[in-house]
Structures are given as structure tokens and as C-alpha cells.
PDB file of N, CA and C in Angstrom:
ATOM      1  N   MET A   1     -11.275  -2.531  -4.085  1.00  0.00           N
ATOM      2  CA  MET A   1     -10.618  -1.757  -3.519  1.00  0.00           C
ATOM      3  C   MET A   1     -11.023  -0.676  -3.396  1.00  0.00           C
ATOM      4  N   SER A   2     -11.096   0.610  -2.566  1.00  0.00           N
ATOM      5  CA  SER A   2     -11.092   1.518  -2.113  1.00  0.00           C
ATOM      6  C   SER A   2     -10.050   2.703  -2.836  1.00  0.00           C
ATOM      7  N   GLU A   3     -10.472   3.399  -3.004  1.00  0.00           N
ATOM      8  CA  GLU A   3      -9.390   4.540  -3.366  1.00  0.00           C
ATOM      9  C   GLU A   3      -8.496   5.079  -2.164  1.00  0.00           C
ATOM     10  N   LEU A   4      -9.008   4.983  -0.458  1.00  0.00           N
ATOM     11  CA  LEU A   4      -7.852   5.439   0.588  1.00  0.00           C
ATOM     12  C   LEU A   4      -7.540   3.929  -0.209  1.00  0.00           C
ATOM     13  N   ALA A   5      -7.692   2.804   0.034  1.00  0.00           N
ATOM     14  CA  ALA A   5      -7.189   1.683   0.128  1.00  0.00           C
ATOM     15  C   ALA A   5      -6.138   0.930  -0.814  1.00  0.00           C
ATOM     16  N   GLU A   6      -5.996   1.705  -1.861  1.00  0.00           N
ATOM     17  CA  GLU A   6      -5.208   1.604  -2.688  1.00  0.00           C
ATOM     18  C   GLU A   6      -3.969   2.713  -2.794  1.00  0.00           C
ATOM     19  N   ARG A   7      -5.271   3.229  -1.926  1.00  0.00           N
ATOM     20  CA  ARG A   7      -3.374   4.380  -1.735  1.00  0.00           C
ATOM     21  C   ARG A   7      -2.009   4.533  -1.161  1.00  0.00           C
ATOM     22  N   PHE A   8      -2.553   3.198  -0.071  1.00  0.00           N
ATOM     23  CA  PHE A   8      -1.682   3.036   0.744  1.00  0.00           C
ATOM     24  C   PHE A   8      -2.033   1.444   1.149  1.00  0.00           C
ATOM     25  N   GLU A   9      -1.147   0.656   1.704  1.00  0.00           N
ATOM     26  CA  GLU A   9      -1.198  -0.645   2.339  1.00  0.00           C
ATOM     27  C   GLU A   9      -0.300  -0.987   3.336  1.00  0.00           C
ATOM     28  N   ALA A  10      -0.772  -1.123   4.333  1.00  0.00           N
ATOM     29  CA  ALA A  10       0.245  -1.354   5.848  1.00  0.00           C
ATOM     30  C   ALA A  10       0.951  -2.696   5.344  1.00  0.00           C
ATOM     31  N   HIS A  11       1.994  -3.110   6.302  1.00  0.00           N
ATOM     32  CA  HIS A  11       2.868  -4.263   5.840  1.00  0.00           C
ATOM     33  C   HIS A  11       2.357  -5.114   6.479  1.00  0.00           C
ATOM     34  N   ASP A  12       1.904  -6.465   5.887  1.00  0.00           N
ATOM     35  CA  ASP A  12       1.438  -7.311   6.578  1.00  0.00           C
ATOM     36  C   ASP A  12       3.455  -8.479   6.929  1.00  0.00           C
ATOM     37  N   PRO A  13       3.868  -9.222   7.349  1.00  0.00           N
ATOM     38  CA  PRO A  13       4.983  -9.926   8.013  1.00  0.00           C
ATOM     39  C   PRO A  13       4.822 -11.395   7.078  1.00  0.00           C
ATOM     40  N   GLY A  14       3.393 -11.470   6.971  1.00  0.00           N
ATOM     41  CA  GLY A  14       3.783 -12.739   6.378  1.00  0.00           C
ATOM     42  C   GLY A  14       3.351 -12.412   4.519  1.00  0.00           C
ATOM     43  N   GLU A  15       3.383 -11.063   4.206  1.00  0.00           N
ATOM     44  CA  GLU A  15       3.406 -10.893   2.833  1.00  0.00           C
ATOM     45  C   GLU A  15       4.468 -10.935   1.770  1.00  0.00           C
ATOM     46  N   LYS A  16       4.374 -11.330   0.915  1.00  0.00           N
ATOM     47  CA  LYS A  16       5.227 -10.707   0.182  1.00  0.00           C
ATOM     48  C   LYS A  16       4.974  -9.829  -0.811  1.00  0.00           C
ATOM     49  N   GLN A  17       6.288  -8.783  -0.567  1.00  0.00           N
ATOM     50  CA  GLN A  17       5.928  -7.528  -1.578  1.00  0.00           C
ATOM     51  C   GLN A  17       4.795  -7.442  -2.660  1.00  0.00           C
ATOM     52  N   VAL A  18       5.062  -6.443  -3.106  1.00  0.00           N
ATOM     53  CA  VAL A  18       3.846  -6.741  -3.963  1.00  0.00           C
ATOM     54  C   VAL A  18       5.224  -6.264  -5.284  1.00  0.00           C
ATOM     55  N   ALA A  19       4.819  -6.555  -6.592  1.00  0.00           N
ATOM     56  CA  ALA A  19       5.674  -5.978  -7.387  1.00  0.00           C
ATOM     57  C   ALA A  19       4.457  -4.855  -7.652  1.00  0.00           C
ATOM     58  N   GLU A  20       6.081  -3.730  -8.617  1.00  0.00           N
ATOM     59  CA  GLU A  20       5.846  -2.637  -8.371  1.00  0.00           C
ATOM     60  C   GLU A  20       5.410  -1.849  -7.914  1.00  0.00           C
ATOM     61  N   LYS A  21       5.920  -1.732  -6.726  1.00  0.00           N
ATOM     62  CA  LYS A  21       5.267  -1.091  -5.265  1.00  0.00           C
ATOM     63  C   LYS A  21       6.810  -1.568  -3.979  1.00  0.00           C
ATOM     64  N   ILE A  22       6.999  -0.395  -3.647  1.00  0.00           N
ATOM     65  CA  ILE A  22       7.969  -0.661  -2.882  1.00  0.00           C
ATOM     66  C   ILE A  22       7.643  -0.641  -1.232  1.00  0.00           C
ATOM     67  N   ARG A  23       8.258  -0.701  -0.412  1.00  0.00           N
ATOM     68  CA  ARG A  23       7.828  -0.628   0.772  1.00  0.00           C
ATOM     69  C   ARG A  23       8.941   0.600   1.798  1.00  0.00           C
ATOM     70  N   CYS A  24       8.239   1.363   2.177  1.00  0.00           N
ATOM     71  CA  CYS A  24       8.671   2.028   3.042  1.00  0.00           C
ATOM     72  C   CYS A  24       8.817   2.744   4.136  1.00  0.00           C
ATOM     73  N   ASP A  25       9.722   1.907   5.014  1.00  0.00           N
ATOM     74  CA  ASP A  25      10.450   2.047   6.471  1.00  0.00           C
ATOM     75  C   ASP A  25      10.069   2.928   6.652  1.00  0.00           C
ATOM     76  N   ALA A  26      10.188   3.625   7.372  1.00  0.00           N
ATOM     77  CA  ALA A  26      10.329   5.104   7.750  1.00  0.00           C
ATOM     78  C   ALA A  26       9.889   5.139   8.925  1.00  0.00           C
ATOM     79  N   CYS A  27       9.049   4.557   9.269  1.00  0.00           N
ATOM     80  CA  CYS A  27       8.145   4.384  10.603  1.00  0.00           C
ATOM     81  C   CYS A  27       7.599   2.920  10.857  1.00  0.00           C
ATOM     82  N   PRO A  28       6.836   2.270  11.838  1.00  0.00           N
ATOM     83  CA  PRO A  28       5.961   0.890  11.811  1.00  0.00           C
ATOM     84  C   PRO A  28       5.200   0.654  11.177  1.00  0.00           C
ATOM     85  N   VAL A  29       4.582   2.010   9.899  1.00  0.00           N
ATOM     86  CA  VAL A  29       3.374   0.784   9.130  1.00  0.00           C
ATOM     87  C   VAL A  29       3.750   0.760   8.178  1.00  0.00           C
ATOM     88  N   MET A  30       5.263   0.923   7.668  1.00  0.00           N
ATOM     89  CA  MET A  30       5.671   0.486   7.029  1.00  0.00           C
ATOM     90  C   MET A  30       5.000   0.232   5.405  1.00  0.00           C
ATOM     91  N   CYS A  31       4.503   0.706   4.371  1.00  0.00           N
ATOM     92  CA  CYS A  31       3.184   0.835   3.428  1.00  0.00           C
ATOM     93  C   CYS A  31       4.341   0.548   2.848  1.00  0.00           C
ATOM     94  N   TYR A  32       3.552  -0.040   1.329  1.00  0.00           N
ATOM     95  CA  TYR A  32       4.186  -0.105   0.453  1.00  0.00           C
ATOM     96  C   TYR A  32       3.387   0.711  -0.141  1.00  0.00           C
ATOM     97  N   ILE A  33       3.861   1.091  -1.648  1.00  0.00           N
ATOM     98  CA  ILE A  33       3.796   2.840  -1.913  1.00  0.00           C
ATOM     99  C   ILE A  33       3.701   2.570  -3.660  1.00  0.00           C
ATOM    100  N   ALA A  34       3.285   2.263  -4.489  1.00  0.00           N
ATOM    101  CA  ALA A  34       2.961   2.915  -6.165  1.00  0.00           C
ATOM    102  C   ALA A  34       4.072   3.397  -6.303  1.00  0.00           C
ATOM    103  N   ASP A  35       3.933   4.020  -7.691  1.00  0.00           N
ATOM    104  CA  ASP A  35       5.425   5.260  -7.785  1.00  0.00           C
ATOM    105  C   ASP A  35       4.446   5.774  -8.164  1.00  0.00           C
ATOM    106  N   GLY A  36       4.328   6.960  -7.834  1.00  0.00           N
ATOM    107  CA  GLY A  36       3.559   8.120  -7.882  1.00  0.00           C
ATOM    108  C   GLY A  36       2.670   8.679  -7.462  1.00  0.00           C
ATOM    109  N   ARG A  37       3.011   7.485  -5.717  1.00  0.00           N
ATOM    110  CA  ARG A  37       1.590   7.807  -4.867  1.00  0.00           C
ATOM    111  C   ARG A  37       2.356   7.702  -3.456  1.00  0.00           C
ATOM    112  N   THR A  38       1.594   8.480  -2.700  1.00  0.00           N
ATOM    113  CA  THR A  38       2.420   8.389  -0.856  1.00  0.00           C
ATOM    114  C   THR A  38       1.501   7.978   0.227  1.00  0.00           C
ATOM    115  N   GLY A  39       2.567   7.544   1.126  1.00  0.00           N
ATOM    116  CA  GLY A  39       2.411   6.636   1.896  1.00  0.00           C
ATOM    117  C   GLY A  39       0.745   7.669   2.544  1.00  0.00           C
ATOM    118  N   ALA A  40       0.718   6.140   3.733  1.00  0.00           N
ATOM    119  CA  ALA A  40      -0.151   6.926   4.977  1.00  0.00           C
ATOM    120  C   ALA A  40      -0.153   7.996   5.307  1.00  0.00           C
ATOM    121  N   CYS A  41       0.919   8.332   5.535  1.00  0.00           N
ATOM    122  CA  CYS A  41       1.511   9.198   6.437  1.00  0.00           C
ATOM    123  C   CYS A  41       1.674  10.813   5.185  1.00  0.00           C
ATOM    124  N   ASP A  42       1.412  10.615   4.292  1.00  0.00           N
ATOM    125  CA  ASP A  42       1.702  11.726   2.760  1.00  0.00           C
ATOM    126  C   ASP A  42       3.085  12.362   2.998  1.00  0.00           C
ATOM    127  N   ARG A  43       4.005  11.805   4.276  1.00  0.00           N
ATOM    128  CA  ARG A  43       4.780  12.891   4.640  1.00  0.00           C
ATOM    129  C   ARG A  43       6.399  12.144   2.610  1.00  0.00           C
ATOM    130  N   TYR A  44       6.054  10.756   2.697  1.00  0.00           N
ATOM    131  CA  TYR A  44       7.035   9.814   2.170  1.00  0.00           C
ATOM    132  C   TYR A  44       6.114   9.555   0.366  1.00  0.00           C
ATOM    133  N   GLY A  45       6.938   9.383  -0.161  1.00  0.00           N
ATOM    134  CA  GLY A  45       6.048   8.526  -1.752  1.00  0.00           C
ATOM    135  C   GLY A  45       7.037   8.053  -2.698  1.00  0.00           C
ATOM    136  N   ASN A  46       6.166   7.551  -3.484  1.00  0.00           N
ATOM    137  CA  ASN A  46       7.523   6.583  -4.408  1.00  0.00           C
ATOM    138  C   ASN A  46       7.390   7.737  -5.838  1.00  0.00           C
ATOM    139  N   VAL A  47       8.588   8.583  -6.260  1.00  0.00           N
ATOM    140  CA  VAL A  47       8.852   8.687  -6.549  1.00  0.00           C
ATOM    141  C   VAL A  47      10.325   7.955  -8.338  1.00  0.00           C
ATOM    142  N   GLY A  48       9.414   7.400  -8.968  1.00  0.00           N
ATOM    143  CA  GLY A  48      10.660   6.246  -9.635  1.00  0.00           C
ATOM    144  C   GLY A  48      11.164   5.257  -9.401  1.00  0.00           C
ATOM    145  N   GLY A  49      10.128   4.599  -8.210  1.00  0.00           N
ATOM    146  CA  GLY A  49      10.707   3.576  -6.897  1.00  0.00           C
ATOM    147  C   GLY A  49      11.869   3.634  -5.963  1.00  0.00           C
ATOM    148  N   ARG A  50      12.033   5.382  -5.905  1.00  0.00           N
ATOM    149  CA  ARG A  50      12.781   5.756  -4.342  1.00  0.00           C
ATOM    150  C   ARG A  50      11.669   6.170  -3.721  1.00  0.00           C
ATOM    151  N   ILE A  51      12.558   6.232  -2.490  1.00  0.00           N
ATOM    152  CA  ILE A  51      11.769   7.375  -1.591  1.00  0.00           C
ATOM    153  C   ILE A  51      11.873   8.447  -1.451  1.00  0.00           C
ATOM    154  N   VAL A  52      11.038   9.163  -1.251  1.00  0.00           N
ATOM    155  CA  VAL A  52      11.630  10.763  -1.496  1.00  0.00           C
ATOM    156  C   VAL A  52      10.616  11.483  -0.476  1.00  0.00           C
ATOM    157  N   ARG A  53      11.273  12.036   0.196  1.00  0.00           N
ATOM    158  CA  ARG A  53      10.467  13.148   1.344  1.00  0.00           C
ATOM    159  C   ARG A  53       9.387  13.993   0.105  1.00  0.00           C
ATOM    160  N   MET A  54       8.049  14.327   1.103  1.00  0.00           N
ATOM    161  CA  MET A  54       7.341  14.543  -0.154  1.00  0.00           C
ATOM    162  C   MET A  54       6.619  15.721   0.765  1.00  0.00           C
ATOM    163  N   ASP A  55       7.568  16.361   1.726  1.00  0.00           N
ATOM    164  CA  ASP A  55       7.189  17.394   2.315  1.00  0.00           C
ATOM    165  C   ASP A  55       8.441  17.955   2.240  1.00  0.00           C
ATOM    166  N   PRO A  56       8.877  19.540   2.199  1.00  0.00           N
ATOM    167  CA  PRO A  56      10.328  20.393   2.846  1.00  0.00           C
ATOM    168  C   PRO A  56      10.435  19.949   3.929  1.00  0.00           C
ATOM    169  N   LEU A  57      11.465  19.995   4.370  1.00  0.00           N
ATOM    170  CA  LEU A  57      12.251  20.561   5.985  1.00  0.00           C
ATOM    171  C   LEU A  57      12.056  21.431   6.809  1.00  0.00           C
ATOM    172  N   THR A  58      10.710  21.123   7.491  1.00  0.00           N
ATOM    173  CA  THR A  58      11.327  22.619   8.351  1.00  0.00           C
ATOM    174  C   THR A  58      12.411  23.121   8.884  1.00  0.00           C
ATOM    175  N   ILE A  59      13.436  24.115   8.821  1.00  0.00           N
ATOM    176  CA  ILE A  59      14.544  24.800   9.949  1.00  0.00           C
ATOM    177  C   ILE A  59      13.981  25.905  11.249  1.00  0.00           C
ATOM    178  N   LEU A  60      13.771  25.677  12.261  1.00  0.00           N
ATOM    179  CA  LEU A  60      13.826  26.880  12.725  1.00  0.00           C
ATOM    180  C   LEU A  60      14.639  27.374  13.287  1.00  0.00           C
ATOM    181  N   ASP A  61      14.975  28.751  13.067  1.00  0.00           N
ATOM    182  CA  ASP A  61      15.800  29.474  13.294  1.00  0.00           C
ATOM    183  C   ASP A  61      15.502  30.388  15.336  1.00  0.00           C
ATOM    184  N   HIS A  62      17.004  29.627  15.685  1.00  0.00           N
ATOM    185  CA  HIS A  62      16.743  30.301  17.344  1.00  0.00           C
ATOM    186  C   HIS A  62      17.548  30.963  17.330  1.00  0.00           C
ATOM    187  N   ALA A  63      17.604  31.993  17.500  1.00  0.00           N
ATOM    188  CA  ALA A  63      17.919  33.426  17.064  1.00  0.00           C
ATOM    189  C   ALA A  63      17.920  34.235  18.530  1.00  0.00           C
TER     190      ALA A  63
END
């Protein structure tokens, strides 16, 4: 399997959840993400079995 393919796997409705990976449902891709890795978007990752936003949320001040 290529490095890119190992980085994320798109969700297949007929596929059982892969052990040691969790499914991110933040977008329609529904990646299975291994611990310490990020999904296809690079926005969410698996940290200790939990989906965590990897980039900071930016809030613009409209003054």
C-alpha cells in the first residue's frame, strides 16, 4: 500500500470498521484514521483514539 493510501482510507459502506482506526464523520469522505495520523483533509486527526481538530480555529474580528 502506498504512503498516501496508508495515510487515509475512504469509507466504504460495506466495509467493517478497521481495528485500531476510528472513523471521522466531519465530512462526507468519512476517513478511517489510525492513531497519530490525520484524515484526507489534514484538518482532523486521531489522537489517542479521539478525533481532534489539528489546525487552530481562526475567528476574525469585524471591528
